[in-house]
Amino acid sequence: MMSEKIKLIMVKRKINSSELANVLECTPQNVSRLFKKDNWTEEQLRKIADRLNCELEINFRLKDTNERF
């Protein structure tokens, strides 16, 4: 799910996986694995958000009441 969002924003911001790898200080192969596993750390997401000029919002929402924390 997060990988899909990142890919959409990458297209909008016109950056490729190699540039994202530079931001994350890893190889393009590692970025590819992250996309496949959709297993991002908060630190990685913050770096990506900074590079893509986005605000990262992380919250919890109660499913039965939609109350957010």
N, C-alpha and C. Protein backbone atom coordinates (compact mmCIF):
# COMPACT_ATOMS: atom_id res chain seq x y z
N MET A 1 0.81 -1.19 0.00
CA MET A 1 0.00 0.00 0.00
C MET A 1 0.87 1.26 0.00
N MET A 2 1.84 1.34 0.91
CA MET A 2 2.71 2.51 0.96
C MET A 2 3.55 2.60 -0.31
N SER A 3 3.99 1.45 -0.82
CA SER A 3 4.80 1.44 -2.05
C SER A 3 4.03 2.06 -3.21
N GLU A 4 2.74 1.76 -3.30
CA GLU A 4 1.91 2.31 -4.38
C GLU A 4 1.85 3.83 -4.27
N LYS A 5 1.69 4.32 -3.06
CA LYS A 5 1.62 5.78 -2.84
C LYS A 5 2.95 6.44 -3.22
N ILE A 6 4.04 5.82 -2.81
CA ILE A 6 5.36 6.38 -3.13
C ILE A 6 5.55 6.43 -4.64
N LYS A 7 5.19 5.36 -5.33
CA LYS A 7 5.35 5.32 -6.79
C LYS A 7 4.52 6.41 -7.46
N LEU A 8 3.32 6.61 -7.01
CA LEU A 8 2.47 7.66 -7.60
C LEU A 8 3.09 9.04 -7.42
N ILE A 9 3.60 9.29 -6.23
CA ILE A 9 4.21 10.60 -5.97
C ILE A 9 5.51 10.75 -6.75
N MET A 10 6.26 9.66 -6.91
CA MET A 10 7.49 9.71 -7.70
C MET A 10 7.19 10.12 -9.14
N VAL A 11 6.13 9.59 -9.70
CA VAL A 11 5.74 9.96 -11.07
C VAL A 11 5.38 11.44 -11.11
N LYS A 12 4.60 11.88 -10.15
CA LYS A 12 4.18 13.28 -10.09
C LYS A 12 5.38 14.22 -9.94
N ARG A 13 6.36 13.79 -9.15
CA ARG A 13 7.55 14.62 -8.90
C ARG A 13 8.68 14.34 -9.90
N LYS A 14 8.46 13.38 -10.78
CA LYS A 14 9.41 13.05 -11.85
C LYS A 14 10.78 12.64 -11.32
N ILE A 15 10.77 11.69 -10.39
CA ILE A 15 12.04 11.11 -9.96
C ILE A 15 11.97 9.60 -10.16
N ASN A 16 13.13 8.99 -10.33
CA ASN A 16 13.18 7.55 -10.60
C ASN A 16 13.73 6.80 -9.39
N SER A 17 13.76 5.50 -9.50
CA SER A 17 14.22 4.66 -8.40
C SER A 17 15.68 4.88 -8.04
N SER A 18 16.49 5.21 -9.03
CA SER A 18 17.91 5.48 -8.75
C SER A 18 18.06 6.70 -7.86
N GLU A 19 17.28 7.73 -8.15
CA GLU A 19 17.34 8.93 -7.32
C GLU A 19 16.81 8.64 -5.91
N LEU A 20 15.79 7.83 -5.84
CA LEU A 20 15.26 7.44 -4.53
C LEU A 20 16.31 6.64 -3.76
N ALA A 21 17.04 5.79 -4.44
CA ALA A 21 18.11 5.02 -3.80
C ALA A 21 19.16 5.96 -3.22
N ASN A 22 19.49 7.02 -3.94
CA ASN A 22 20.45 8.00 -3.42
C ASN A 22 19.92 8.65 -2.14
N VAL A 23 18.65 8.98 -2.14
CA VAL A 23 18.04 9.59 -0.96
C VAL A 23 18.13 8.65 0.24
N LEU A 24 17.88 7.37 -0.02
CA LEU A 24 17.88 6.37 1.06
C LEU A 24 19.26 5.80 1.34
N GLU A 25 20.25 6.23 0.55
CA GLU A 25 21.63 5.78 0.72
C GLU A 25 21.72 4.26 0.60
N CYS A 26 21.12 3.74 -0.45
CA CYS A 26 21.18 2.31 -0.71
C CYS A 26 21.23 2.10 -2.23
N THR A 27 21.22 0.86 -2.64
CA THR A 27 21.29 0.56 -4.07
C THR A 27 19.88 0.54 -4.67
N PRO A 28 19.79 0.73 -5.98
CA PRO A 28 18.49 0.60 -6.64
C PRO A 28 17.86 -0.79 -6.43
N GLN A 29 18.70 -1.82 -6.31
CA GLN A 29 18.19 -3.17 -6.05
C GLN A 29 17.48 -3.23 -4.70
N ASN A 30 18.06 -2.56 -3.70
CA ASN A 30 17.42 -2.53 -2.38
C ASN A 30 16.09 -1.78 -2.43
N VAL A 31 16.04 -0.71 -3.20
CA VAL A 31 14.79 0.03 -3.35
C VAL A 31 13.74 -0.86 -4.00
N SER A 32 14.15 -1.61 -4.99
CA SER A 32 13.23 -2.53 -5.65
C SER A 32 12.66 -3.54 -4.65
N ARG A 33 13.51 -4.06 -3.77
CA ARG A 33 13.06 -5.00 -2.74
C ARG A 33 12.08 -4.35 -1.76
N LEU A 34 12.38 -3.10 -1.41
CA LEU A 34 11.48 -2.38 -0.50
C LEU A 34 10.11 -2.20 -1.13
N PHE A 35 10.09 -1.88 -2.42
CA PHE A 35 8.81 -1.73 -3.11
C PHE A 35 8.05 -3.05 -3.12
N LYS A 36 8.74 -4.13 -3.39
CA LYS A 36 8.09 -5.45 -3.46
C LYS A 36 7.55 -5.89 -2.11
N LYS A 37 8.34 -5.70 -1.06
CA LYS A 37 7.94 -6.14 0.27
C LYS A 37 7.01 -5.14 0.95
N ASP A 38 7.02 -3.89 0.46
CA ASP A 38 6.23 -2.81 1.07
C ASP A 38 6.52 -2.74 2.56
N ASN A 39 7.83 -2.74 2.86
CA ASN A 39 8.28 -2.79 4.24
C ASN A 39 9.23 -1.62 4.50
N TRP A 40 8.67 -0.45 4.74
CA TRP A 40 9.43 0.77 4.90
C TRP A 40 9.57 1.12 6.38
N THR A 41 10.74 1.64 6.76
CA THR A 41 10.89 2.13 8.13
C THR A 41 10.38 3.57 8.18
N GLU A 42 10.09 4.03 9.37
CA GLU A 42 9.65 5.41 9.52
C GLU A 42 10.74 6.37 9.04
N GLU A 43 11.99 6.05 9.33
CA GLU A 43 13.10 6.90 8.90
C GLU A 43 13.15 6.99 7.37
N GLN A 44 12.97 5.87 6.69
CA GLN A 44 12.95 5.88 5.22
C GLN A 44 11.80 6.72 4.69
N LEU A 45 10.64 6.55 5.29
CA LEU A 45 9.47 7.33 4.85
C LEU A 45 9.68 8.82 5.05
N ARG A 46 10.32 9.19 6.13
CA ARG A 46 10.59 10.61 6.37
C ARG A 46 11.58 11.17 5.35
N LYS A 47 12.60 10.40 5.01
CA LYS A 47 13.55 10.84 3.98
C LYS A 47 12.86 10.98 2.63
N ILE A 48 12.01 10.02 2.30
CA ILE A 48 11.28 10.06 1.03
C ILE A 48 10.35 11.26 1.00
N ALA A 49 9.62 11.47 2.08
CA ALA A 49 8.70 12.61 2.14
C ALA A 49 9.45 13.92 1.96
N ASP A 50 10.61 14.04 2.60
CA ASP A 50 11.42 15.25 2.47
C ASP A 50 11.83 15.46 1.02
N ARG A 51 12.32 14.42 0.37
CA ARG A 51 12.78 14.54 -1.02
C ARG A 51 11.62 14.81 -1.98
N LEU A 52 10.47 14.23 -1.71
CA LEU A 52 9.32 14.40 -2.60
C LEU A 52 8.48 15.62 -2.24
N ASN A 53 8.99 16.39 -1.29
CA ASN A 53 8.31 17.62 -0.86
C ASN A 53 6.88 17.32 -0.41
N CYS A 54 6.79 16.34 0.50
CA CYS A 54 5.50 15.92 1.04
C CYS A 54 5.54 15.99 2.56
N GLU A 55 4.37 16.05 3.13
CA GLU A 55 4.25 15.94 4.57
C GLU A 55 3.84 14.51 4.89
N LEU A 56 4.60 13.86 5.73
CA LEU A 56 4.29 12.49 6.14
C LEU A 56 3.37 12.54 7.35
N GLU A 57 2.24 11.87 7.24
CA GLU A 57 1.30 11.80 8.35
C GLU A 57 1.15 10.36 8.79
N ILE A 58 1.46 10.10 10.05
CA ILE A 58 1.31 8.76 10.61
C ILE A 58 0.37 8.89 11.79
N ASN A 59 -0.69 8.09 11.78
CA ASN A 59 -1.63 8.17 12.89
C ASN A 59 -2.33 6.83 13.08
N PHE A 60 -3.06 6.74 14.14
CA PHE A 60 -3.89 5.57 14.41
C PHE A 60 -5.35 6.03 14.36
N ARG A 61 -6.20 5.18 13.79
CA ARG A 61 -7.63 5.47 13.72
C ARG A 61 -8.39 4.25 14.21
N LEU A 62 -9.27 4.48 15.17
CA LEU A 62 -10.10 3.39 15.66
C LEU A 62 -11.06 2.99 14.56
N LYS A 63 -11.08 1.73 14.23
CA LYS A 63 -11.89 1.25 13.12
C LYS A 63 -13.39 1.38 13.37
N ASP A 64 -13.80 1.23 14.62
CA ASP A 64 -15.24 1.27 14.89
C ASP A 64 -15.79 2.68 15.02
N THR A 65 -14.96 3.65 15.38
CA THR A 65 -15.46 5.02 15.58
C THR A 65 -14.82 6.05 14.66
N ASN A 66 -13.80 5.65 13.91
CA ASN A 66 -13.03 6.56 13.04
C ASN A 66 -12.29 7.63 13.84
N GLU A 67 -12.18 7.48 15.14
CA GLU A 67 -11.45 8.44 15.97
C GLU A 67 -9.96 8.29 15.68
N ARG A 68 -9.29 9.42 15.47
CA ARG A 68 -7.87 9.40 15.13
C ARG A 68 -7.01 9.81 16.31
N PHE A 69 -5.85 9.19 16.39
CA PHE A 69 -4.87 9.51 17.44
C PHE A 69 -3.52 9.73 16.80
